[in-house]
Amino acid sequence: MNHLLKLLDLTPEEIIELLNLGDQLKYEQKHGIRHHLLEGQTLGMIFQKASTRTRVSFEVGMSQLGGDALFLSNRDLQIGRGEPVQDTARVLSRYLDGIMIRTFAQQEVDDLAEYGSIPIINGLTDFSHPCQVLADLMTVREHKGRLDGVKMCYIGDGNNMANSLIVGGLKTGMKVSVATPDDYRPDPVVLEFAKGYGSFRLTDNILEAAADADVLFTDVWASMGQEGEAEIRRKAFAGYQINEELLKNAAPDAMVQHCLPAHRGEEISEETFEKHADEIFDEAENRLHAQKAVMVKLMKK
């Protein structure tokens, strides 16, 4: 494992290894054990999409690991003025020990890995969100005690979250059901991957998807960069909401997860969000611990 570009690249064993390391680092941090495993190292953080959780969790994570994080926006980089990504990759590889990038195109992340000589971490693309889903799997395992055989249900847009949850869930032995409108299905590459698993189901019926689910996931209907489609998407996703009525169809002890930010009253009701807030903010916290595991795995000398 030289990079974290997408979960499709990882074996089930590599995913579990990252989750185990995340658990260990979380325990140590909670008990005041210093783990300066990346002392003297610097992570460059390229943000072409802004984010609260991604920036803060990576910066704090590097600090707790004894290293430094450098924030780089479009305004700070020649990549935003037309410099080829391959040149940026070569230059930054001479200065940094690793790069985290949050951007639009998956190809940009792949190109950084191809032309650079340091580890590349995908902080989010339109195709995948591996760091978030590692935190999600970590949280489900904390609450349920296992992943194998646990039923995950995702409801909403077949976006980067849906893509990565499908891959991460299936690779760790979960049963995965997804409910999306026909015009908003997950990426064909991911659906082709999922064909190899009898534990996967794709439908447009949220009741079918949520039946006996142990954990329900959702995400906003219009992600960053899709603001112009917000009204169209509001109509397309009407009814694709996690709420108390839907939860009656899930397992009695079902948990709810949301990668945040949440639009309460759209993809999730206010009542359901607040009832499951502890689980949702455990999930948000685990971004820190899961990403520290990724950085240690990739960057530790």
C-alpha atoms as a PDB file:
ATOM      1  CA  MET A   1       0.000   0.000   0.000  1.00  0.00           C
ATOM      2  CA  ASN A   2       1.816   3.112  -1.260  1.00  0.00           C
ATOM      3  CA  HIS A   3      -1.159   5.500  -1.603  1.00  0.00           C
ATOM      4  CA  LEU A   4      -4.814   5.804  -0.636  1.00  0.00           C
ATOM      5  CA  LEU A   5      -6.496   6.727  -3.918  1.00  0.00           C
ATOM      6  CA  LYS A   6      -9.738   4.713  -3.625  1.00  0.00           C
ATOM      7  CA  LEU A   7     -10.965   1.729  -1.634  1.00  0.00           C
ATOM      8  CA  LEU A   8     -11.158  -0.358  -4.802  1.00  0.00           C
ATOM      9  CA  ASP A   9      -7.339  -0.478  -4.661  1.00  0.00           C
ATOM     10  CA  LEU A  10      -7.185  -2.006  -1.173  1.00  0.00           C
ATOM     11  CA  THR A  11      -7.508  -5.623  -0.137  1.00  0.00           C
ATOM     12  CA  PRO A  12      -9.925  -6.535   2.677  1.00  0.00           C
ATOM     13  CA  GLU A  13      -6.879  -7.242   4.851  1.00  0.00           C
ATOM     14  CA  GLU A  14      -5.444  -3.759   4.221  1.00  0.00           C
ATOM     15  CA  ILE A  15      -8.752  -2.138   5.167  1.00  0.00           C
ATOM     16  CA  ILE A  16      -8.986  -4.116   8.420  1.00  0.00           C
ATOM     17  CA  GLU A  17      -5.335  -3.310   9.195  1.00  0.00           C
ATOM     18  CA  LEU A  18      -6.114   0.422   8.881  1.00  0.00           C
ATOM     19  CA  LEU A  19      -9.182   0.063  11.116  1.00  0.00           C
ATOM     20  CA  ASN A  20      -7.161  -1.797  13.747  1.00  0.00           C
ATOM     21  CA  LEU A  21      -4.444   0.859  13.672  1.00  0.00           C
ATOM     22  CA  GLY A  22      -7.101   3.580  13.934  1.00  0.00           C
ATOM     23  CA  ASP A  23      -8.509   1.873  17.035  1.00  0.00           C
ATOM     24  CA  GLN A  24      -5.034   1.675  18.562  1.00  0.00           C
ATOM     25  CA  LEU A  25      -4.219   5.331  17.888  1.00  0.00           C
ATOM     26  CA  LYS A  26      -7.607   6.409  19.249  1.00  0.00           C
ATOM     27  CA  TYR A  27      -7.013   4.447  22.471  1.00  0.00           C
ATOM     28  CA  GLU A  28      -3.548   5.945  22.887  1.00  0.00           C
ATOM     29  CA  GLN A  29      -4.749   9.488  22.234  1.00  0.00           C
ATOM     30  CA  LYS A  30      -7.640   9.109  24.714  1.00  0.00           C
ATOM     31  CA  HIS A  31      -5.223   7.816  27.373  1.00  0.00           C
ATOM     32  CA  GLY A  32      -2.642  10.533  26.906  1.00  0.00           C
ATOM     33  CA  ILE A  33      -0.079   8.294  25.235  1.00  0.00           C
ATOM     34  CA  ARG A  34       2.119  10.336  22.887  1.00  0.00           C
ATOM     35  CA  HIS A  35       2.568   8.727  19.497  1.00  0.00           C
ATOM     36  CA  HIS A  36       4.925  11.018  17.554  1.00  0.00           C
ATOM     37  CA  LEU A  37       5.280   8.487  14.765  1.00  0.00           C
ATOM     38  CA  LEU A  38       5.672  11.154  12.052  1.00  0.00           C
ATOM     39  CA  GLU A  39       7.992  13.538  13.868  1.00  0.00           C
ATOM     40  CA  GLY A  40       9.727  15.953  11.506  1.00  0.00           C
ATOM     41  CA  GLN A  41       7.459  15.110   8.553  1.00  0.00           C
ATOM     42  CA  THR A  42       5.206  17.487   6.626  1.00  0.00           C
ATOM     43  CA  LEU A  43       1.888  16.759   4.932  1.00  0.00           C
ATOM     44  CA  GLY A  44       0.817  19.078   2.127  1.00  0.00           C
ATOM     45  CA  MET A  45      -2.973  19.513   2.012  1.00  0.00           C
ATOM     46  CA  ILE A  46      -4.344  20.622  -1.359  1.00  0.00           C
ATOM     47  CA  PHE A  47      -7.914  21.937  -1.189  1.00  0.00           C
ATOM     48  CA  GLN A  48      -9.761  22.554  -4.429  1.00  0.00           C
ATOM     49  CA  LYS A  49     -12.949  21.843  -2.450  1.00  0.00           C
ATOM     50  CA  ALA A  50     -13.269  23.475   0.959  1.00  0.00           C
ATOM     51  CA  SER A  51     -14.019  21.378   4.056  1.00  0.00           C
ATOM     52  CA  THR A  52     -14.332  21.823   7.803  1.00  0.00           C
ATOM     53  CA  ARG A  53     -13.770  18.229   8.892  1.00  0.00           C
ATOM     54  CA  THR A  54     -11.103  17.290   6.367  1.00  0.00           C
ATOM     55  CA  ARG A  55      -8.861  20.264   7.085  1.00  0.00           C
ATOM     56  CA  VAL A  56      -9.180  20.217  10.867  1.00  0.00           C
ATOM     57  CA  SER A  57      -8.862  16.440  11.237  1.00  0.00           C
ATOM     58  CA  PHE A  58      -5.759  16.194   9.036  1.00  0.00           C
ATOM     59  CA  GLU A  59      -4.080  19.199  10.688  1.00  0.00           C
ATOM     60  CA  VAL A  60      -4.811  17.979  14.199  1.00  0.00           C
ATOM     61  CA  GLY A  61      -3.857  14.441  13.232  1.00  0.00           C
ATOM     62  CA  MET A  62      -0.459  15.483  11.941  1.00  0.00           C
ATOM     63  CA  SER A  63       0.120  17.555  15.074  1.00  0.00           C
ATOM     64  CA  GLN A  64      -0.726  14.607  17.331  1.00  0.00           C
ATOM     65  CA  LEU A  65       1.642  12.443  15.281  1.00  0.00           C
ATOM     66  CA  GLY A  66       4.441  14.984  15.785  1.00  0.00           C
ATOM     67  CA  GLY A  67       4.482  16.347  12.240  1.00  0.00           C
ATOM     68  CA  ASP A  68       3.278  19.458  10.442  1.00  0.00           C
ATOM     69  CA  ALA A  69       0.464  20.106   7.957  1.00  0.00           C
ATOM     70  CA  LEU A  70       0.604  22.772   5.258  1.00  0.00           C
ATOM     71  CA  PHE A  71      -2.687  24.138   3.884  1.00  0.00           C
ATOM     72  CA  LEU A  72      -2.613  24.803   0.126  1.00  0.00           C
ATOM     73  CA  SER A  73      -5.619  26.277  -1.696  1.00  0.00           C
ATOM     74  CA  ASN A  74      -6.050  26.981  -5.405  1.00  0.00           C
ATOM     75  CA  ARG A  75      -4.847  30.510  -4.702  1.00  0.00           C
ATOM     76  CA  ASP A  76      -1.576  29.153  -3.278  1.00  0.00           C
ATOM     77  CA  LEU A  77      -0.672  26.792  -6.110  1.00  0.00           C
ATOM     78  CA  GLN A  78       0.321  27.197  -9.741  1.00  0.00           C
ATOM     79  CA  ILE A  79      -1.930  24.199 -10.418  1.00  0.00           C
ATOM     80  CA  GLY A  80      -4.787  26.691 -10.131  1.00  0.00           C
ATOM     81  CA  ARG A  81      -3.179  28.794 -12.875  1.00  0.00           C
ATOM     82  CA  GLY A  82      -2.678  26.032 -15.386  1.00  0.00           C
ATOM     83  CA  GLU A  83       0.500  24.245 -14.288  1.00  0.00           C
ATOM     84  CA  PRO A  84       0.210  20.556 -15.247  1.00  0.00           C
ATOM     85  CA  VAL A  85      -0.524  18.328 -12.281  1.00  0.00           C
ATOM     86  CA  GLN A  86       2.485  16.164 -13.155  1.00  0.00           C
ATOM     87  CA  ASP A  87       4.810  19.149 -12.645  1.00  0.00           C
ATOM     88  CA  THR A  88       3.153  20.053  -9.359  1.00  0.00           C
ATOM     89  CA  ALA A  89       3.552  16.432  -8.219  1.00  0.00           C
ATOM     90  CA  ARG A  90       7.277  16.435  -9.007  1.00  0.00           C
ATOM     91  CA  VAL A  91       7.923  19.753  -7.275  1.00  0.00           C
ATOM     92  CA  LEU A  92       5.923  19.010  -4.116  1.00  0.00           C
ATOM     93  CA  SER A  93       7.602  15.611  -3.832  1.00  0.00           C
ATOM     94  CA  ARG A  94      10.904  17.470  -3.302  1.00  0.00           C
ATOM     95  CA  TYR A  95       9.458  19.475  -0.360  1.00  0.00           C
ATOM     96  CA  LEU A  96       6.922  17.258   1.377  1.00  0.00           C
ATOM     97  CA  ASP A  97       6.615  13.783   2.877  1.00  0.00           C
ATOM     98  CA  GLY A  98       3.015  13.229   1.771  1.00  0.00           C
ATOM     99  CA  ILE A  99       0.101  14.938   0.021  1.00  0.00           C
ATOM    100  CA  MET A 100      -3.592  14.909   0.866  1.00  0.00           C
ATOM    101  CA  ILE A 101      -5.788  16.321  -1.897  1.00  0.00           C
ATOM    102  CA  ARG A 102      -9.494  17.177  -1.850  1.00  0.00           C
ATOM    103  CA  THR A 103     -10.627  17.873  -5.397  1.00  0.00           C
ATOM    104  CA  PHE A 104     -13.146  17.115  -8.143  1.00  0.00           C
ATOM    105  CA  ALA A 105     -11.623  14.667 -10.643  1.00  0.00           C
ATOM    106  CA  GLN A 106     -10.310  11.265  -9.550  1.00  0.00           C
ATOM    107  CA  GLN A 107      -7.798  11.513 -12.413  1.00  0.00           C
ATOM    108  CA  GLU A 108      -6.064  14.404 -10.668  1.00  0.00           C
ATOM    109  CA  VAL A 109      -5.422  12.244  -7.610  1.00  0.00           C
ATOM    110  CA  ASP A 110      -4.239   9.362  -9.776  1.00  0.00           C
ATOM    111  CA  ASP A 111      -1.876  11.674 -11.682  1.00  0.00           C
ATOM    112  CA  LEU A 112      -0.315  12.963  -8.454  1.00  0.00           C
ATOM    113  CA  ALA A 113       0.420   9.366  -7.497  1.00  0.00           C
ATOM    114  CA  GLU A 114       1.798   8.520 -10.937  1.00  0.00           C
ATOM    115  CA  TYR A 115       4.155  11.471 -11.252  1.00  0.00           C
ATOM    116  CA  GLY A 116       5.030  12.151  -7.618  1.00  0.00           C
ATOM    117  CA  SER A 117       7.385  10.155  -5.440  1.00  0.00           C
ATOM    118  CA  ILE A 118       5.608  10.501  -2.064  1.00  0.00           C
ATOM    119  CA  PRO A 119       2.378   9.004  -0.667  1.00  0.00           C
ATOM    120  CA  ILE A 120      -0.882  10.521  -1.971  1.00  0.00           C
ATOM    121  CA  ILE A 121      -4.076  10.473   0.113  1.00  0.00           C
ATOM    122  CA  ASN A 122      -7.469  11.079  -1.470  1.00  0.00           C
ATOM    123  CA  GLY A 123      -9.321  13.463   0.856  1.00  0.00           C
ATOM    124  CA  LEU A 124     -12.332  13.391  -1.511  1.00  0.00           C
ATOM    125  CA  THR A 125     -13.080  13.323  -5.225  1.00  0.00           C
ATOM    126  CA  ASP A 126     -16.360  13.195  -7.106  1.00  0.00           C
ATOM    127  CA  PHE A 127     -15.773   9.444  -7.470  1.00  0.00           C
ATOM    128  CA  SER A 128     -14.652   8.384  -4.006  1.00  0.00           C
ATOM    129  CA  HIS A 129     -14.308   9.368  -0.361  1.00  0.00           C
ATOM    130  CA  PRO A 130     -12.091   6.662   1.158  1.00  0.00           C
ATOM    131  CA  CYS A 131     -11.070   8.490   4.345  1.00  0.00           C
ATOM    132  CA  GLN A 132     -14.681   9.113   5.312  1.00  0.00           C
ATOM    133  CA  VAL A 133     -15.686   5.515   4.739  1.00  0.00           C
ATOM    134  CA  LEU A 134     -12.762   4.185   6.769  1.00  0.00           C
ATOM    135  CA  ALA A 135     -14.086   6.341   9.626  1.00  0.00           C
ATOM    136  CA  ASP A 136     -17.599   5.026   8.945  1.00  0.00           C
ATOM    137  CA  LEU A 137     -16.480   1.392   9.104  1.00  0.00           C
ATOM    138  CA  MET A 138     -14.520   2.125  12.267  1.00  0.00           C
ATOM    139  CA  THR A 139     -17.644   3.613  13.877  1.00  0.00           C
ATOM    140  CA  VAL A 140     -19.943   0.757  12.867  1.00  0.00           C
ATOM    141  CA  ARG A 141     -17.466  -1.752  14.275  1.00  0.00           C
ATOM    142  CA  GLU A 142     -17.229   0.209  17.540  1.00  0.00           C
ATOM    143  CA  HIS A 143     -21.003   0.167  17.982  1.00  0.00           C
ATOM    144  CA  LYS A 144     -21.815  -3.284  16.581  1.00  0.00           C
ATOM    145  CA  GLY A 145     -18.673  -5.153  17.604  1.00  0.00           C
ATOM    146  CA  ARG A 146     -18.097  -6.494  14.082  1.00  0.00           C
ATOM    147  CA  LEU A 147     -18.532  -5.760  10.384  1.00  0.00           C
ATOM    148  CA  ASP A 148     -18.924  -9.243   8.922  1.00  0.00           C
ATOM    149  CA  GLY A 149     -22.623  -9.994   8.394  1.00  0.00           C
ATOM    150  CA  VAL A 150     -23.814  -6.524   9.473  1.00  0.00           C
ATOM    151  CA  LYS A 151     -26.378  -5.050   7.057  1.00  0.00           C
ATOM    152  CA  MET A 152     -25.613  -1.545   5.786  1.00  0.00           C
ATOM    153  CA  CYS A 153     -28.256   0.488   3.960  1.00  0.00           C
ATOM    154  CA  TYR A 154     -27.456   3.664   2.023  1.00  0.00           C
ATOM    155  CA  ILE A 155     -30.288   5.950   0.887  1.00  0.00           C
ATOM    156  CA  GLY A 156     -29.979   8.952  -1.429  1.00  0.00           C
ATOM    157  CA  ASP A 157     -27.617  10.099  -4.163  1.00  0.00           C
ATOM    158  CA  GLY A 158     -25.360   7.503  -5.788  1.00  0.00           C
ATOM    159  CA  ASN A 159     -22.372   9.773  -5.241  1.00  0.00           C
ATOM    160  CA  ASN A 160     -18.816   9.371  -3.948  1.00  0.00           C
ATOM    161  CA  MET A 161     -20.145   8.300  -0.545  1.00  0.00           C
ATOM    162  CA  ALA A 162     -22.347   5.606  -2.056  1.00  0.00           C
ATOM    163  CA  ASN A 163     -19.456   4.403  -4.227  1.00  0.00           C
ATOM    164  CA  SER A 164     -17.034   4.089  -1.325  1.00  0.00           C
ATOM    165  CA  LEU A 165     -19.556   2.636   1.137  1.00  0.00           C
ATOM    166  CA  ILE A 166     -20.448  -0.102  -1.338  1.00  0.00           C
ATOM    167  CA  VAL A 167     -16.800  -1.033  -1.842  1.00  0.00           C
ATOM    168  CA  GLY A 168     -15.763  -0.719   1.796  1.00  0.00           C
ATOM    169  CA  GLY A 169     -18.818  -2.532   3.086  1.00  0.00           C
ATOM    170  CA  LEU A 170     -18.601  -5.469   0.700  1.00  0.00           C
ATOM    171  CA  LYS A 171     -14.837  -5.887   1.144  1.00  0.00           C
ATOM    172  CA  THR A 172     -15.263  -6.146   4.921  1.00  0.00           C
ATOM    173  CA  GLY A 173     -18.047  -8.737   4.754  1.00  0.00           C
ATOM    174  CA  MET A 174     -21.063  -6.486   5.226  1.00  0.00           C
ATOM    175  CA  LYS A 175     -24.395  -6.902   3.475  1.00  0.00           C
ATOM    176  CA  VAL A 176     -24.999  -3.739   1.452  1.00  0.00           C
ATOM    177  CA  SER A 177     -28.291  -2.387   0.126  1.00  0.00           C
ATOM    178  CA  VAL A 178     -28.586   0.919  -1.728  1.00  0.00           C
ATOM    179  CA  ALA A 179     -31.711   2.888  -2.632  1.00  0.00           C
ATOM    180  CA  THR A 180     -31.350   5.665  -5.217  1.00  0.00           C
ATOM    181  CA  PRO A 181     -33.549   7.089  -7.975  1.00  0.00           C
ATOM    182  CA  ASP A 182     -32.788   5.467 -11.334  1.00  0.00           C
ATOM    183  CA  ASP A 183     -31.099   8.597 -12.691  1.00  0.00           C
ATOM    184  CA  TYR A 184     -28.771   8.928  -9.687  1.00  0.00           C
ATOM    185  CA  ARG A 185     -27.227   5.483  -9.386  1.00  0.00           C
ATOM    186  CA  PRO A 186     -23.670   4.766  -8.187  1.00  0.00           C
ATOM    187  CA  ASP A 187     -20.793   4.728 -10.667  1.00  0.00           C
ATOM    188  CA  PRO A 188     -20.880   1.850 -13.213  1.00  0.00           C
ATOM    189  CA  VAL A 189     -17.360   0.807 -12.188  1.00  0.00           C
ATOM    190  CA  VAL A 190     -18.577   0.292  -8.620  1.00  0.00           C
ATOM    191  CA  LEU A 191     -21.724  -1.538  -9.722  1.00  0.00           C
ATOM    192  CA  GLU A 192     -19.583  -3.849 -11.843  1.00  0.00           C
ATOM    193  CA  PHE A 193     -17.424  -4.566  -8.779  1.00  0.00           C
ATOM    194  CA  ALA A 194     -20.538  -5.233  -6.663  1.00  0.00           C
ATOM    195  CA  LYS A 195     -21.804  -7.854  -9.131  1.00  0.00           C
ATOM    196  CA  GLY A 196     -19.310 -10.241  -7.604  1.00  0.00           C
ATOM    197  CA  TYR A 197     -21.113 -10.163  -4.261  1.00  0.00           C
ATOM    198  CA  GLY A 198     -24.428 -11.868  -3.591  1.00  0.00           C
ATOM    199  CA  SER A 199     -24.802  -9.647  -0.516  1.00  0.00           C
ATOM    200  CA  PHE A 200     -25.396  -6.483  -2.610  1.00  0.00           C
ATOM    201  CA  ARG A 201     -28.776  -5.060  -3.582  1.00  0.00           C
ATOM    202  CA  LEU A 202     -29.608  -1.922  -5.586  1.00  0.00           C
ATOM    203  CA  THR A 203     -33.199  -0.651  -5.693  1.00  0.00           C
ATOM    204  CA  ASP A 204     -35.264   2.519  -5.944  1.00  0.00           C
ATOM    205  CA  ASN A 205     -37.445   1.403  -3.002  1.00  0.00           C
ATOM    206  CA  ILE A 206     -36.241   2.731   0.351  1.00  0.00           C
ATOM    207  CA  LEU A 207     -38.411   0.327   2.362  1.00  0.00           C
ATOM    208  CA  GLU A 208     -36.878  -2.672   0.616  1.00  0.00           C
ATOM    209  CA  ALA A 209     -33.375  -1.317   1.113  1.00  0.00           C
ATOM    210  CA  ALA A 210     -33.862  -0.518   4.790  1.00  0.00           C
ATOM    211  CA  ALA A 211     -35.521  -3.827   5.722  1.00  0.00           C
ATOM    212  CA  ASP A 212     -33.717  -5.244   8.794  1.00  0.00           C
ATOM    213  CA  ALA A 213     -30.762  -2.891   8.268  1.00  0.00           C
ATOM    214  CA  ASP A 214     -28.325  -2.618  11.183  1.00  0.00           C
ATOM    215  CA  VAL A 215     -26.984   0.760  10.063  1.00  0.00           C
ATOM    216  CA  LEU A 216     -28.435   3.386   7.735  1.00  0.00           C
ATOM    217  CA  PHE A 217     -26.330   5.935   5.863  1.00  0.00           C
ATOM    218  CA  THR A 218     -27.258   9.022   3.895  1.00  0.00           C
ATOM    219  CA  ASP A 219     -25.667  12.154   2.441  1.00  0.00           C
ATOM    220  CA  VAL A 220     -26.838  15.523   1.122  1.00  0.00           C
ATOM    221  CA  TRP A 221     -28.847  15.478  -2.104  1.00  0.00           C
ATOM    222  CA  ALA A 222     -26.714  18.187  -3.753  1.00  0.00           C
ATOM    223  CA  SER A 223     -22.983  17.991  -3.046  1.00  0.00           C
ATOM    224  CA  MET A 224     -20.396  20.739  -3.444  1.00  0.00           C
ATOM    225  CA  GLY A 225     -20.343  21.860  -7.078  1.00  0.00           C
ATOM    226  CA  GLN A 226     -23.961  20.782  -7.646  1.00  0.00           C
ATOM    227  CA  GLU A 227     -25.613  23.829  -6.107  1.00  0.00           C
ATOM    228  CA  GLY A 228     -27.141  24.764  -9.468  1.00  0.00           C
ATOM    229  CA  GLU A 229     -28.996  21.435  -9.492  1.00  0.00           C
ATOM    230  CA  ALA A 230     -30.373  21.796  -5.970  1.00  0.00           C
ATOM    231  CA  GLU A 231     -34.018  22.329  -6.921  1.00  0.00           C
ATOM    232  CA  ILE A 232     -34.005  19.551  -9.539  1.00  0.00           C
ATOM    233  CA  ARG A 233     -32.420  17.196  -7.046  1.00  0.00           C
ATOM    234  CA  ARG A 234     -34.883  18.167  -4.305  1.00  0.00           C
ATOM    235  CA  LYS A 235     -37.694  16.926  -6.523  1.00  0.00           C
ATOM    236  CA  ALA A 236     -35.831  13.801  -7.646  1.00  0.00           C
ATOM    237  CA  PHE A 237     -35.014  12.760  -4.078  1.00  0.00           C
ATOM    238  CA  ALA A 238     -38.364  13.593  -2.492  1.00  0.00           C
ATOM    239  CA  GLY A 239     -39.132  10.669  -0.199  1.00  0.00           C
ATOM    240  CA  TYR A 240     -35.520   9.467   0.017  1.00  0.00           C
ATOM    241  CA  GLN A 241     -35.263  10.496   3.644  1.00  0.00           C
ATOM    242  CA  ILE A 242     -34.088   8.676   6.760  1.00  0.00           C
ATOM    243  CA  ASN A 243     -36.766   9.308   9.377  1.00  0.00           C
ATOM    244  CA  GLU A 244     -38.559   7.597  12.238  1.00  0.00           C
ATOM    245  CA  GLU A 245     -41.092   5.959   9.935  1.00  0.00           C
ATOM    246  CA  LEU A 246     -38.343   4.378   7.821  1.00  0.00           C
ATOM    247  CA  LEU A 247     -36.483   3.187  10.915  1.00  0.00           C
ATOM    248  CA  LYS A 248     -39.498   1.062  11.870  1.00  0.00           C
ATOM    249  CA  ASN A 249     -38.524  -1.092   8.900  1.00  0.00           C
ATOM    250  CA  ALA A 250     -34.900  -1.474  10.040  1.00  0.00           C
ATOM    251  CA  ALA A 251     -33.476  -3.609  12.826  1.00  0.00           C
ATOM    252  CA  PRO A 252     -34.705  -2.562  16.305  1.00  0.00           C
ATOM    253  CA  ASP A 253     -31.230  -1.351  17.340  1.00  0.00           C
ATOM    254  CA  ALA A 254     -30.327   0.230  13.990  1.00  0.00           C
ATOM    255  CA  MET A 255     -27.792   3.043  14.062  1.00  0.00           C
ATOM    256  CA  VAL A 256     -27.725   6.063  11.731  1.00  0.00           C
ATOM    257  CA  GLN A 257     -24.676   7.642  10.105  1.00  0.00           C
ATOM    258  CA  HIS A 258     -24.225  10.882   8.147  1.00  0.00           C
ATOM    259  CA  CYS A 259     -20.885  12.159   6.819  1.00  0.00           C
ATOM    260  CA  LEU A 260     -21.962  15.797   7.427  1.00  0.00           C
ATOM    261  CA  PRO A 261     -22.824  18.538   6.820  1.00  0.00           C
ATOM    262  CA  ALA A 262     -26.478  17.510   7.119  1.00  0.00           C
ATOM    263  CA  HIS A 263     -29.473  19.271   5.602  1.00  0.00           C
ATOM    264  CA  ARG A 264     -32.040  18.406   8.239  1.00  0.00           C
ATOM    265  CA  GLY A 265     -35.508  18.060   6.806  1.00  0.00           C
ATOM    266  CA  GLU A 266     -34.140  16.869   3.463  1.00  0.00           C
ATOM    267  CA  GLU A 267     -32.088  13.643   3.482  1.00  0.00           C
ATOM    268  CA  ILE A 268     -32.631  13.151   7.233  1.00  0.00           C
ATOM    269  CA  SER A 269     -35.327  14.387   9.584  1.00  0.00           C
ATOM    270  CA  GLU A 270     -34.480  16.670  12.499  1.00  0.00           C
ATOM    271  CA  GLU A 271     -35.894  14.134  14.964  1.00  0.00           C
ATOM    272  CA  THR A 272     -33.857  11.214  13.629  1.00  0.00           C
ATOM    273  CA  PHE A 273     -30.659  13.255  13.433  1.00  0.00           C
ATOM    274  CA  GLU A 274     -30.932  14.291  17.074  1.00  0.00           C
ATOM    275  CA  LYS A 275     -31.856  10.805  18.282  1.00  0.00           C
ATOM    276  CA  HIS A 276     -28.718   9.428  16.604  1.00  0.00           C
ATOM    277  CA  ALA A 277     -26.463  12.456  17.113  1.00  0.00           C
ATOM    278  CA  ASP A 278     -24.025  10.579  19.372  1.00  0.00           C
ATOM    279  CA  GLU A 279     -23.441   7.967  16.650  1.00  0.00           C
ATOM    280  CA  ILE A 280     -23.104  10.634  13.949  1.00  0.00           C
ATOM    281  CA  PHE A 281     -20.561  12.652  15.908  1.00  0.00           C
ATOM    282  CA  ASP A 282     -18.639   9.506  16.860  1.00  0.00           C
ATOM    283  CA  GLU A 283     -18.397   9.025  13.091  1.00  0.00           C
ATOM    284  CA  ALA A 284     -17.148  12.598  12.643  1.00  0.00           C
ATOM    285  CA  GLU A 285     -14.536  12.153  15.392  1.00  0.00           C
ATOM    286  CA  ASN A 286     -13.287   8.948  13.841  1.00  0.00           C
ATOM    287  CA  ARG A 287     -12.187  10.861  10.750  1.00  0.00           C
ATOM    288  CA  LEU A 288      -9.272  11.992  12.933  1.00  0.00           C
ATOM    289  CA  HIS A 289      -8.283   8.507  14.060  1.00  0.00           C
ATOM    290  CA  ALA A 290      -8.816   6.721  10.735  1.00  0.00           C
ATOM    291  CA  GLN A 291      -6.812   9.366   8.854  1.00  0.00           C
ATOM    292  CA  LYS A 292      -3.999   9.171  11.383  1.00  0.00           C
ATOM    293  CA  ALA A 293      -3.863   5.450  10.677  1.00  0.00           C
ATOM    294  CA  VAL A 294      -3.638   6.154   6.934  1.00  0.00           C
ATOM    295  CA  MET A 295      -0.850   8.701   7.426  1.00  0.00           C
ATOM    296  CA  VAL A 296       1.137   6.385   9.711  1.00  0.00           C
ATOM    297  CA  LYS A 297       0.728   3.459   7.339  1.00  0.00           C
ATOM    298  CA  LEU A 298       1.851   5.461   4.319  1.00  0.00           C
ATOM    299  CA  MET A 299       4.352   7.951   5.749  1.00  0.00           C
ATOM    300  CA  LYS A 300       6.091   6.275   8.709  1.00  0.00           C
ATOM    301  CA  LYS A 301       9.759   5.829   7.788  1.00  0.00           C
END
